[in-house]
Amino acid sequence: MGRQKAKITYGQVDELDGLEYLNADYIEQTFSRHSHEGYCIGVISEGAQGFYHNGAEHLAPQNTIILVNADEIHTGYSATETGWSYRALYPLPQHFEQISQDLGQPEYGAPYFRQSVVKDDKLAASLRHLFNTLDHSEDTLLRETLIYTTLTQLVLKHGGSRLNIQPAKSSAQSLYLVKEFLDEYPQWPISLTELAALACMTPFSLVRAFKRQFGLPPHAYQIQARLRLARHMLKRGLSIKDAAAEAGFHDQSHFHRHFKSAMGITPGRYMKHV
C-alpha cells in the first residue's frame, strides 16, 4: 500500500488585500525552521502538531489554536502516527493595526501573542466557521464581517496586553442610512468596509452599533432583506431559481436553507400556499 500524500489547499480573501488561508492534511510532514511575513493563526482539526517556537517545544492537540507572531522562527511536525489536519490564516500586521484603529486604540498597533498554543473552544469554533464560510460562501458582507469579528475576538482574548474598549460612537441617522440601503438594495454585494464608509464609522463599530440598534448585525439583516425581496418575487410568479438569483443569494440551496430557517417551510411549499 502506497504512502499517503499531504493534501494542501491555499486560498486568498480578496476583500482584505489578498489575506491568505490554508487547509492542510499532513501525514509525515516536517517543516524546518522558518518564519512568515504575517502571523500564523491555526486551529487543529484532527491529530496533533508539534513545533518549536520561542525557545521551546510545543504540542497542539485537536481543537487547540496555534498562535505565531509575524517573523518569528518556528518549525512543524506530526505528533501522532496519523499526522494532523489544520486550518490556518496568515493576517499581516497591518490587518491587526486596522482592527486597533477600529477599536479606538490606534496606539496598540499589532498584538503580540505570548502563548504559542491556546485552548479556547469558542474561538476555535469561530475560526472553523470562518474557514467554512471562506470555502463555501461568496457573500462579501458575511466573509468580511466574520474576518473582522474573529480577529477582533483573538486580539481581545489573547493579545499580550488588554484593550479598554469604548462604546461604539454612532448616530441613529447613520445607522438608519445603512438600514435603508440594505432594505432598498438587498441584492447588492456590498462589503462591510463600504457600509462602514456610508455610515462614517469603522467596520467593527458598525457591526456592534447596528446589532445593538436593530437586533442583527448587518450581514444577517441583509439576509432578511433578501428573503423579503425573494418572497415578493415568488408571489409574482417567478421561479425559485430566478427569485433566489434576483434577490442576491449565492445559489438555490443557499436560498432554500435561509428561507426554511426563517419561514419554517420550503420555498416550494410557500409557493403552493400563495
C-alpha atoms as a PDB file:
ATOM      1  CA  MET A   1       0.000   0.000   0.000  1.00  0.00           C
ATOM      2  CA  GLY A   2       1.468   3.359  -1.029  1.00  0.00           C
ATOM      3  CA  ARG A   3       2.315   6.166   1.325  1.00  0.00           C
ATOM      4  CA  GLN A   4      -0.440   8.760   1.706  1.00  0.00           C
ATOM      5  CA  LYS A   5       0.296  12.197   0.346  1.00  0.00           C
ATOM      6  CA  ALA A   6      -0.289  15.512   2.027  1.00  0.00           C
ATOM      7  CA  LYS A   7      -3.344  17.463   0.883  1.00  0.00           C
ATOM      8  CA  ILE A   8      -2.871  21.219   0.783  1.00  0.00           C
ATOM      9  CA  THR A   9      -5.200  23.959  -0.439  1.00  0.00           C
ATOM     10  CA  TYR A  10      -4.413  27.683  -0.365  1.00  0.00           C
ATOM     11  CA  GLY A  11      -6.928  30.479  -0.700  1.00  0.00           C
ATOM     12  CA  GLN A  12      -6.996  34.263  -0.706  1.00  0.00           C
ATOM     13  CA  VAL A  13      -9.541  36.705   0.669  1.00  0.00           C
ATOM     14  CA  ASP A  14      -9.934  39.389  -1.978  1.00  0.00           C
ATOM     15  CA  GLU A  15     -11.879  41.622   0.419  1.00  0.00           C
ATOM     16  CA  LEU A  16      -8.823  42.074   2.672  1.00  0.00           C
ATOM     17  CA  ASP A  17      -5.907  42.694   0.316  1.00  0.00           C
ATOM     18  CA  GLY A  18      -5.373  39.045  -0.548  1.00  0.00           C
ATOM     19  CA  LEU A  19      -5.290  37.719   3.027  1.00  0.00           C
ATOM     20  CA  GLU A  20      -4.097  34.097   2.723  1.00  0.00           C
ATOM     21  CA  TYR A  21      -5.532  30.992   4.362  1.00  0.00           C
ATOM     22  CA  LEU A  22      -4.695  27.301   4.265  1.00  0.00           C
ATOM     23  CA  ASN A  23      -6.401  23.913   4.514  1.00  0.00           C
ATOM     24  CA  ALA A  24      -3.907  21.078   5.032  1.00  0.00           C
ATOM     25  CA  ASP A  25      -3.756  17.361   5.884  1.00  0.00           C
ATOM     26  CA  TYR A  26      -0.206  16.235   6.721  1.00  0.00           C
ATOM     27  CA  ILE A  27       0.903  12.656   7.323  1.00  0.00           C
ATOM     28  CA  GLU A  28       4.697  12.688   7.595  1.00  0.00           C
ATOM     29  CA  GLN A  29       5.446  16.362   7.007  1.00  0.00           C
ATOM     30  CA  THR A  30       8.316  18.092   8.815  1.00  0.00           C
ATOM     31  CA  PHE A  31       8.919  21.824   8.481  1.00  0.00           C
ATOM     32  CA  SER A  32      12.423  23.138   9.109  1.00  0.00           C
ATOM     33  CA  ARG A  33      12.946  26.424  10.921  1.00  0.00           C
ATOM     34  CA  HIS A  34      11.212  29.194   9.024  1.00  0.00           C
ATOM     35  CA  SER A  35       9.126  32.342   9.513  1.00  0.00           C
ATOM     36  CA  HIS A  36       6.181  34.088   7.851  1.00  0.00           C
ATOM     37  CA  GLU A  37       5.736  37.702   6.845  1.00  0.00           C
ATOM     38  CA  GLY A  38       2.428  37.646   8.668  1.00  0.00           C
ATOM     39  CA  TYR A  39       1.021  35.928  11.721  1.00  0.00           C
ATOM     40  CA  CYS A  40       0.098  32.243  11.665  1.00  0.00           C
ATOM     41  CA  ILE A  41      -3.294  31.614  13.287  1.00  0.00           C
ATOM     42  CA  GLY A  42      -4.118  27.905  13.063  1.00  0.00           C
ATOM     43  CA  VAL A  43      -6.737  25.587  14.510  1.00  0.00           C
ATOM     44  CA  ILE A  44      -6.067  21.830  14.693  1.00  0.00           C
ATOM     45  CA  SER A  45      -8.917  19.840  13.132  1.00  0.00           C
ATOM     46  CA  GLU A  46      -7.585  16.317  13.707  1.00  0.00           C
ATOM     47  CA  GLY A  47      -4.476  14.679  15.151  1.00  0.00           C
ATOM     48  CA  ALA A  48      -1.786  16.781  16.802  1.00  0.00           C
ATOM     49  CA  GLN A  49       1.055  19.027  15.696  1.00  0.00           C
ATOM     50  CA  GLY A  50       4.369  19.506  17.453  1.00  0.00           C
ATOM     51  CA  PHE A  51       6.514  22.553  16.812  1.00  0.00           C
ATOM     52  CA  TYR A  52       9.436  24.572  18.122  1.00  0.00           C
ATOM     53  CA  HIS A  53       8.692  28.223  18.879  1.00  0.00           C
ATOM     54  CA  ASN A  54      10.038  30.870  21.266  1.00  0.00           C
ATOM     55  CA  GLY A  55      12.807  28.656  22.578  1.00  0.00           C
ATOM     56  CA  ALA A  56      10.647  25.654  23.484  1.00  0.00           C
ATOM     57  CA  GLU A  57       8.846  22.648  22.031  1.00  0.00           C
ATOM     58  CA  HIS A  58       5.032  22.807  21.967  1.00  0.00           C
ATOM     59  CA  LEU A  59       2.212  20.318  21.397  1.00  0.00           C
ATOM     60  CA  ALA A  60      -1.054  21.393  19.750  1.00  0.00           C
ATOM     61  CA  PRO A  61      -3.740  18.667  20.000  1.00  0.00           C
ATOM     62  CA  GLN A  62      -7.128  18.636  18.304  1.00  0.00           C
ATOM     63  CA  ASN A  63      -9.272  21.779  18.727  1.00  0.00           C
ATOM     64  CA  THR A  64      -6.433  23.940  20.045  1.00  0.00           C
ATOM     65  CA  ILE A  65      -5.254  27.156  18.413  1.00  0.00           C
ATOM     66  CA  ILE A  66      -1.684  27.867  17.335  1.00  0.00           C
ATOM     67  CA  LEU A  67      -0.514  31.487  17.591  1.00  0.00           C
ATOM     68  CA  VAL A  68       2.775  32.511  15.958  1.00  0.00           C
ATOM     69  CA  ASN A  69       3.632  36.191  15.660  1.00  0.00           C
ATOM     70  CA  ALA A  70       4.875  37.700  12.409  1.00  0.00           C
ATOM     71  CA  ASP A  71       8.539  36.987  11.530  1.00  0.00           C
ATOM     72  CA  GLU A  72       9.034  34.538  14.437  1.00  0.00           C
ATOM     73  CA  ILE A  73      11.070  31.389  13.768  1.00  0.00           C
ATOM     74  CA  HIS A  74       9.209  28.104  14.233  1.00  0.00           C
ATOM     75  CA  THR A  75       9.081  24.519  12.955  1.00  0.00           C
ATOM     76  CA  GLY A  76       6.304  21.952  12.498  1.00  0.00           C
ATOM     77  CA  TYR A  77       5.953  18.179  12.590  1.00  0.00           C
ATOM     78  CA  SER A  78       3.420  15.435  13.277  1.00  0.00           C
ATOM     79  CA  ALA A  79       2.939  14.490  16.913  1.00  0.00           C
ATOM     80  CA  THR A  80       0.900  11.375  16.016  1.00  0.00           C
ATOM     81  CA  GLU A  81       1.398   8.435  13.657  1.00  0.00           C
ATOM     82  CA  THR A  82      -1.583   9.507  11.568  1.00  0.00           C
ATOM     83  CA  GLY A  83      -0.417  13.091  11.098  1.00  0.00           C
ATOM     84  CA  TRP A  84      -2.554  16.184  11.602  1.00  0.00           C
ATOM     85  CA  SER A  85      -5.076  18.379   9.825  1.00  0.00           C
ATOM     86  CA  TYR A  86      -5.417  22.079  10.401  1.00  0.00           C
ATOM     87  CA  ARG A  87      -6.735  25.338   9.016  1.00  0.00           C
ATOM     88  CA  ALA A  88      -4.577  28.452   9.166  1.00  0.00           C
ATOM     89  CA  LEU A  89      -4.963  32.160   8.487  1.00  0.00           C
ATOM     90  CA  TYR A  90      -1.997  34.474   7.803  1.00  0.00           C
ATOM     91  CA  PRO A  91      -3.004  38.057   8.628  1.00  0.00           C
ATOM     92  CA  LEU A  92      -0.359  40.742   8.187  1.00  0.00           C
ATOM     93  CA  PRO A  93       0.490  43.234  10.958  1.00  0.00           C
ATOM     94  CA  GLN A  94      -1.402  45.944   9.081  1.00  0.00           C
ATOM     95  CA  HIS A  95      -4.617  43.879   9.305  1.00  0.00           C
ATOM     96  CA  PHE A  96      -4.349  43.904  13.100  1.00  0.00           C
ATOM     97  CA  GLU A  97      -3.343  47.580  13.094  1.00  0.00           C
ATOM     98  CA  GLN A  98      -6.599  48.341  11.278  1.00  0.00           C
ATOM     99  CA  ILE A  99      -8.508  46.453  13.979  1.00  0.00           C
ATOM    100  CA  SER A 100      -6.761  48.523  16.675  1.00  0.00           C
ATOM    101  CA  GLN A 101      -7.863  51.646  14.803  1.00  0.00           C
ATOM    102  CA  ASP A 102     -11.420  50.311  14.660  1.00  0.00           C
ATOM    103  CA  LEU A 103     -11.373  49.651  18.403  1.00  0.00           C
ATOM    104  CA  GLY A 104     -10.351  53.239  19.095  1.00  0.00           C
ATOM    105  CA  GLN A 105      -6.883  52.193  20.262  1.00  0.00           C
ATOM    106  CA  PRO A 106      -4.514  53.119  17.384  1.00  0.00           C
ATOM    107  CA  GLU A 107      -1.535  53.206  19.721  1.00  0.00           C
ATOM    108  CA  TYR A 108      -1.983  49.469  20.402  1.00  0.00           C
ATOM    109  CA  GLY A 109      -0.889  48.598  16.879  1.00  0.00           C
ATOM    110  CA  ALA A 110      -0.442  44.892  16.102  1.00  0.00           C
ATOM    111  CA  PRO A 111      -0.719  42.481  19.053  1.00  0.00           C
ATOM    112  CA  TYR A 112       1.967  40.223  20.495  1.00  0.00           C
ATOM    113  CA  PHE A 113       0.668  36.755  21.348  1.00  0.00           C
ATOM    114  CA  ARG A 114       2.627  35.326  24.282  1.00  0.00           C
ATOM    115  CA  GLN A 115       1.094  31.839  24.208  1.00  0.00           C
ATOM    116  CA  SER A 116       2.051  29.536  21.350  1.00  0.00           C
ATOM    117  CA  VAL A 117      -0.913  27.190  21.951  1.00  0.00           C
ATOM    118  CA  VAL A 118      -4.258  28.160  23.489  1.00  0.00           C
ATOM    119  CA  LYS A 119      -7.321  26.128  24.402  1.00  0.00           C
ATOM    120  CA  ASP A 120     -10.357  28.249  23.567  1.00  0.00           C
ATOM    121  CA  ASP A 121     -13.321  26.211  22.316  1.00  0.00           C
ATOM    122  CA  LYS A 122     -15.460  29.237  21.464  1.00  0.00           C
ATOM    123  CA  LEU A 123     -12.757  30.934  19.398  1.00  0.00           C
ATOM    124  CA  ALA A 124     -11.830  27.620  17.739  1.00  0.00           C
ATOM    125  CA  ALA A 125     -15.485  27.262  16.689  1.00  0.00           C
ATOM    126  CA  SER A 126     -15.427  30.834  15.333  1.00  0.00           C
ATOM    127  CA  LEU A 127     -12.313  30.064  13.311  1.00  0.00           C
ATOM    128  CA  ARG A 128     -13.842  26.877  11.882  1.00  0.00           C
ATOM    129  CA  HIS A 129     -16.996  28.810  10.949  1.00  0.00           C
ATOM    130  CA  LEU A 130     -14.841  31.466   9.280  1.00  0.00           C
ATOM    131  CA  PHE A 131     -12.890  28.918   7.234  1.00  0.00           C
ATOM    132  CA  ASN A 132     -16.066  27.101   6.211  1.00  0.00           C
ATOM    133  CA  THR A 133     -17.554  30.406   5.065  1.00  0.00           C
ATOM    134  CA  LEU A 134     -14.427  31.320   3.088  1.00  0.00           C
ATOM    135  CA  ASP A 135     -14.596  27.909   1.394  1.00  0.00           C
ATOM    136  CA  HIS A 136     -18.273  27.888   0.513  1.00  0.00           C
ATOM    137  CA  SER A 137     -19.706  31.429   0.504  1.00  0.00           C
ATOM    138  CA  GLU A 138     -19.178  34.330  -1.874  1.00  0.00           C
ATOM    139  CA  ASP A 139     -21.177  36.697   0.358  1.00  0.00           C
ATOM    140  CA  THR A 140     -18.788  39.635   0.650  1.00  0.00           C
ATOM    141  CA  LEU A 141     -20.505  41.214   3.643  1.00  0.00           C
ATOM    142  CA  LEU A 142     -20.594  37.942   5.578  1.00  0.00           C
ATOM    143  CA  ARG A 143     -16.983  36.987   4.789  1.00  0.00           C
ATOM    144  CA  GLU A 144     -15.571  40.367   5.745  1.00  0.00           C
ATOM    145  CA  THR A 145     -17.671  40.575   8.913  1.00  0.00           C
ATOM    146  CA  LEU A 146     -16.524  37.156  10.117  1.00  0.00           C
ATOM    147  CA  ILE A 147     -12.874  38.007   9.477  1.00  0.00           C
ATOM    148  CA  TYR A 148     -13.126  41.278  11.390  1.00  0.00           C
ATOM    149  CA  THR A 149     -15.061  39.836  14.322  1.00  0.00           C
ATOM    150  CA  THR A 150     -12.922  36.678  14.624  1.00  0.00           C
ATOM    151  CA  LEU A 151      -9.617  38.553  14.536  1.00  0.00           C
ATOM    152  CA  THR A 152     -11.020  41.083  16.992  1.00  0.00           C
ATOM    153  CA  GLN A 153     -12.011  38.277  19.389  1.00  0.00           C
ATOM    154  CA  LEU A 154      -8.480  36.935  19.086  1.00  0.00           C
ATOM    155  CA  VAL A 155      -6.898  40.280  19.962  1.00  0.00           C
ATOM    156  CA  LEU A 156      -9.256  40.952  22.867  1.00  0.00           C
ATOM    157  CA  LYS A 157      -8.894  37.496  24.439  1.00  0.00           C
ATOM    158  CA  HIS A 158      -5.287  36.562  23.735  1.00  0.00           C
ATOM    159  CA  GLY A 159      -3.356  39.732  22.847  1.00  0.00           C
ATOM    160  CA  GLY A 160      -0.330  40.483  25.004  1.00  0.00           C
ATOM    161  CA  SER A 161      -1.998  43.421  26.745  1.00  0.00           C
ATOM    162  CA  ARG A 162      -5.639  44.222  27.420  1.00  0.00           C
ATOM    163  CA  LEU A 163      -7.573  46.758  25.405  1.00  0.00           C
ATOM    164  CA  ASN A 164     -10.046  49.084  27.050  1.00  0.00           C
ATOM    165  CA  ILE A 165     -12.854  49.073  24.503  1.00  0.00           C
ATOM    166  CA  GLN A 166     -15.024  52.157  24.415  1.00  0.00           C
ATOM    167  CA  PRO A 167     -18.692  52.001  23.349  1.00  0.00           C
ATOM    168  CA  ALA A 168     -19.083  52.450  19.618  1.00  0.00           C
ATOM    169  CA  LYS A 169     -19.840  56.027  18.654  1.00  0.00           C
ATOM    170  CA  SER A 170     -22.767  56.206  16.303  1.00  0.00           C
ATOM    171  CA  SER A 171     -25.778  58.272  15.408  1.00  0.00           C
ATOM    172  CA  ALA A 172     -29.229  56.896  14.741  1.00  0.00           C
ATOM    173  CA  GLN A 173     -29.186  58.747  11.422  1.00  0.00           C
ATOM    174  CA  SER A 174     -26.041  56.921  10.275  1.00  0.00           C
ATOM    175  CA  LEU A 175     -27.376  53.521  11.299  1.00  0.00           C
ATOM    176  CA  TYR A 176     -30.738  54.113   9.606  1.00  0.00           C
ATOM    177  CA  LEU A 177     -28.860  55.165   6.471  1.00  0.00           C
ATOM    178  CA  VAL A 178     -27.205  51.733   6.403  1.00  0.00           C
ATOM    179  CA  LYS A 179     -30.514  50.010   7.151  1.00  0.00           C
ATOM    180  CA  GLU A 180     -32.258  51.895   4.354  1.00  0.00           C
ATOM    181  CA  PHE A 181     -29.533  50.918   1.901  1.00  0.00           C
ATOM    182  CA  LEU A 182     -29.864  47.231   2.837  1.00  0.00           C
ATOM    183  CA  ASP A 183     -33.669  47.476   2.572  1.00  0.00           C
ATOM    184  CA  GLU A 184     -33.564  49.162  -0.828  1.00  0.00           C
ATOM    185  CA  TYR A 185     -30.686  47.199  -2.374  1.00  0.00           C
ATOM    186  CA  PRO A 186     -30.581  43.830  -0.575  1.00  0.00           C
ATOM    187  CA  GLN A 187     -29.232  42.052  -3.648  1.00  0.00           C
ATOM    188  CA  TRP A 188     -26.220  44.345  -3.905  1.00  0.00           C
ATOM    189  CA  PRO A 189     -22.905  42.585  -2.981  1.00  0.00           C
ATOM    190  CA  ILE A 190     -21.730  45.400  -0.722  1.00  0.00           C
ATOM    191  CA  SER A 191     -18.790  44.927   1.639  1.00  0.00           C
ATOM    192  CA  LEU A 192     -18.586  45.772   5.326  1.00  0.00           C
ATOM    193  CA  THR A 193     -15.939  48.383   4.535  1.00  0.00           C
ATOM    194  CA  GLU A 194     -18.290  50.112   2.082  1.00  0.00           C
ATOM    195  CA  LEU A 195     -21.184  50.075   4.566  1.00  0.00           C
ATOM    196  CA  ALA A 196     -18.915  51.496   7.259  1.00  0.00           C
ATOM    197  CA  ALA A 197     -17.856  54.310   4.923  1.00  0.00           C
ATOM    198  CA  LEU A 198     -21.518  55.047   4.217  1.00  0.00           C
ATOM    199  CA  ALA A 199     -22.107  55.441   7.965  1.00  0.00           C
ATOM    200  CA  CYS A 200     -18.802  57.273   8.557  1.00  0.00           C
ATOM    201  CA  MET A 201     -17.889  54.576  11.077  1.00  0.00           C
ATOM    202  CA  THR A 202     -15.241  51.882  11.404  1.00  0.00           C
ATOM    203  CA  PRO A 203     -16.257  48.352  10.339  1.00  0.00           C
ATOM    204  CA  PHE A 204     -16.214  46.784  13.797  1.00  0.00           C
ATOM    205  CA  SER A 205     -18.011  49.771  15.328  1.00  0.00           C
ATOM    206  CA  LEU A 206     -20.732  49.488  12.698  1.00  0.00           C
ATOM    207  CA  VAL A 207     -21.279  45.786  13.420  1.00  0.00           C
ATOM    208  CA  ARG A 208     -21.628  46.429  17.169  1.00  0.00           C
ATOM    209  CA  ALA A 209     -23.817  49.524  16.857  1.00  0.00           C
ATOM    210  CA  PHE A 210     -26.071  48.106  14.144  1.00  0.00           C
ATOM    211  CA  LYS A 211     -26.710  44.933  16.130  1.00  0.00           C
ATOM    212  CA  ARG A 212     -27.485  46.963  19.256  1.00  0.00           C
ATOM    213  CA  GLN A 213     -29.918  49.182  17.323  1.00  0.00           C
ATOM    214  CA  PHE A 214     -31.692  46.595  15.163  1.00  0.00           C
ATOM    215  CA  GLY A 215     -31.048  43.246  16.848  1.00  0.00           C
ATOM    216  CA  LEU A 216     -28.982  41.758  13.998  1.00  0.00           C
ATOM    217  CA  PRO A 217     -25.531  42.527  12.553  1.00  0.00           C
ATOM    218  CA  PRO A 218     -25.565  43.974   9.008  1.00  0.00           C
ATOM    219  CA  HIS A 219     -24.862  40.699   7.183  1.00  0.00           C
ATOM    220  CA  ALA A 220     -27.721  38.902   8.984  1.00  0.00           C
ATOM    221  CA  TYR A 221     -30.074  41.833   8.365  1.00  0.00           C
ATOM    222  CA  GLN A 222     -29.128  41.719   4.667  1.00  0.00           C
ATOM    223  CA  ILE A 223     -30.231  38.061   4.541  1.00  0.00           C
ATOM    224  CA  GLN A 224     -33.634  39.016   5.964  1.00  0.00           C
ATOM    225  CA  ALA A 225     -33.971  41.841   3.422  1.00  0.00           C
ATOM    226  CA  ARG A 226     -33.102  39.403   0.633  1.00  0.00           C
ATOM    227  CA  LEU A 227     -35.731  36.972   1.892  1.00  0.00           C
ATOM    228  CA  ARG A 228     -38.380  39.716   1.837  1.00  0.00           C
ATOM    229  CA  LEU A 229     -37.459  40.562  -1.754  1.00  0.00           C
ATOM    230  CA  ALA A 230     -37.490  36.896  -2.763  1.00  0.00           C
ATOM    231  CA  ARG A 231     -40.960  36.352  -1.238  1.00  0.00           C
ATOM    232  CA  HIS A 232     -42.336  39.259  -3.265  1.00  0.00           C
ATOM    233  CA  MET A 233     -40.857  37.730  -6.408  1.00  0.00           C
ATOM    234  CA  LEU A 234     -42.323  34.300  -5.637  1.00  0.00           C
ATOM    235  CA  LYS A 235     -45.732  35.894  -5.171  1.00  0.00           C
ATOM    236  CA  ARG A 236     -45.361  37.497  -8.602  1.00  0.00           C
ATOM    237  CA  GLY A 237     -44.800  34.070 -10.130  1.00  0.00           C
ATOM    238  CA  LEU A 238     -41.020  33.943 -10.540  1.00  0.00           C
ATOM    239  CA  SER A 239     -39.411  30.529 -10.273  1.00  0.00           C
ATOM    240  CA  ILE A 240     -37.492  29.631  -7.120  1.00  0.00           C
ATOM    241  CA  LYS A 241     -34.221  29.658  -9.058  1.00  0.00           C
ATOM    242  CA  ASP A 242     -34.852  33.112 -10.544  1.00  0.00           C
ATOM    243  CA  ALA A 243     -36.101  34.578  -7.266  1.00  0.00           C
ATOM    244  CA  ALA A 244     -33.008  33.308  -5.453  1.00  0.00           C
ATOM    245  CA  ALA A 245     -30.670  34.813  -8.042  1.00  0.00           C
ATOM    246  CA  GLU A 246     -32.524  38.148  -8.312  1.00  0.00           C
ATOM    247  CA  ALA A 247     -32.564  38.550  -4.508  1.00  0.00           C
ATOM    248  CA  GLY A 248     -28.799  38.105  -4.281  1.00  0.00           C
ATOM    249  CA  PHE A 249     -28.469  34.566  -2.936  1.00  0.00           C
ATOM    250  CA  HIS A 250     -25.336  32.670  -3.939  1.00  0.00           C
ATOM    251  CA  ASP A 251     -27.293  29.676  -5.195  1.00  0.00           C
ATOM    252  CA  GLN A 252     -30.653  27.944  -4.830  1.00  0.00           C
ATOM    253  CA  SER A 253     -29.549  25.733  -1.910  1.00  0.00           C
ATOM    254  CA  HIS A 254     -28.322  28.812  -0.026  1.00  0.00           C
ATOM    255  CA  PHE A 255     -31.728  30.439  -0.559  1.00  0.00           C
ATOM    256  CA  HIS A 256     -33.582  27.250   0.420  1.00  0.00           C
ATOM    257  CA  ARG A 257     -31.653  26.923   3.692  1.00  0.00           C
ATOM    258  CA  HIS A 258     -32.251  30.508   4.805  1.00  0.00           C
ATOM    259  CA  PHE A 259     -35.879  30.528   3.642  1.00  0.00           C
ATOM    260  CA  LYS A 260     -36.771  27.399   5.615  1.00  0.00           C
ATOM    261  CA  SER A 261     -34.895  28.663   8.673  1.00  0.00           C
ATOM    262  CA  ALA A 262     -36.828  31.944   8.647  1.00  0.00           C
ATOM    263  CA  MET A 263     -40.256  30.769   7.421  1.00  0.00           C
ATOM    264  CA  GLY A 264     -40.438  27.201   8.690  1.00  0.00           C
ATOM    265  CA  ILE A 265     -41.348  25.852   5.246  1.00  0.00           C
ATOM    266  CA  THR A 266     -39.522  25.385   1.957  1.00  0.00           C
ATOM    267  CA  PRO A 267     -39.868  27.886  -0.911  1.00  0.00           C
ATOM    268  CA  GLY A 268     -41.748  25.239  -2.905  1.00  0.00           C
ATOM    269  CA  ARG A 269     -44.403  24.751  -0.232  1.00  0.00           C
ATOM    270  CA  TYR A 270     -44.630  28.513   0.231  1.00  0.00           C
ATOM    271  CA  MET A 271     -45.432  28.942  -3.462  1.00  0.00           C
ATOM    272  CA  LYS A 272     -48.238  26.408  -3.217  1.00  0.00           C
ATOM    273  CA  HIS A 273     -49.826  28.384  -0.369  1.00  0.00           C
ATOM    274  CA  VAL A 274     -49.553  31.813  -2.016  1.00  0.00           C
END
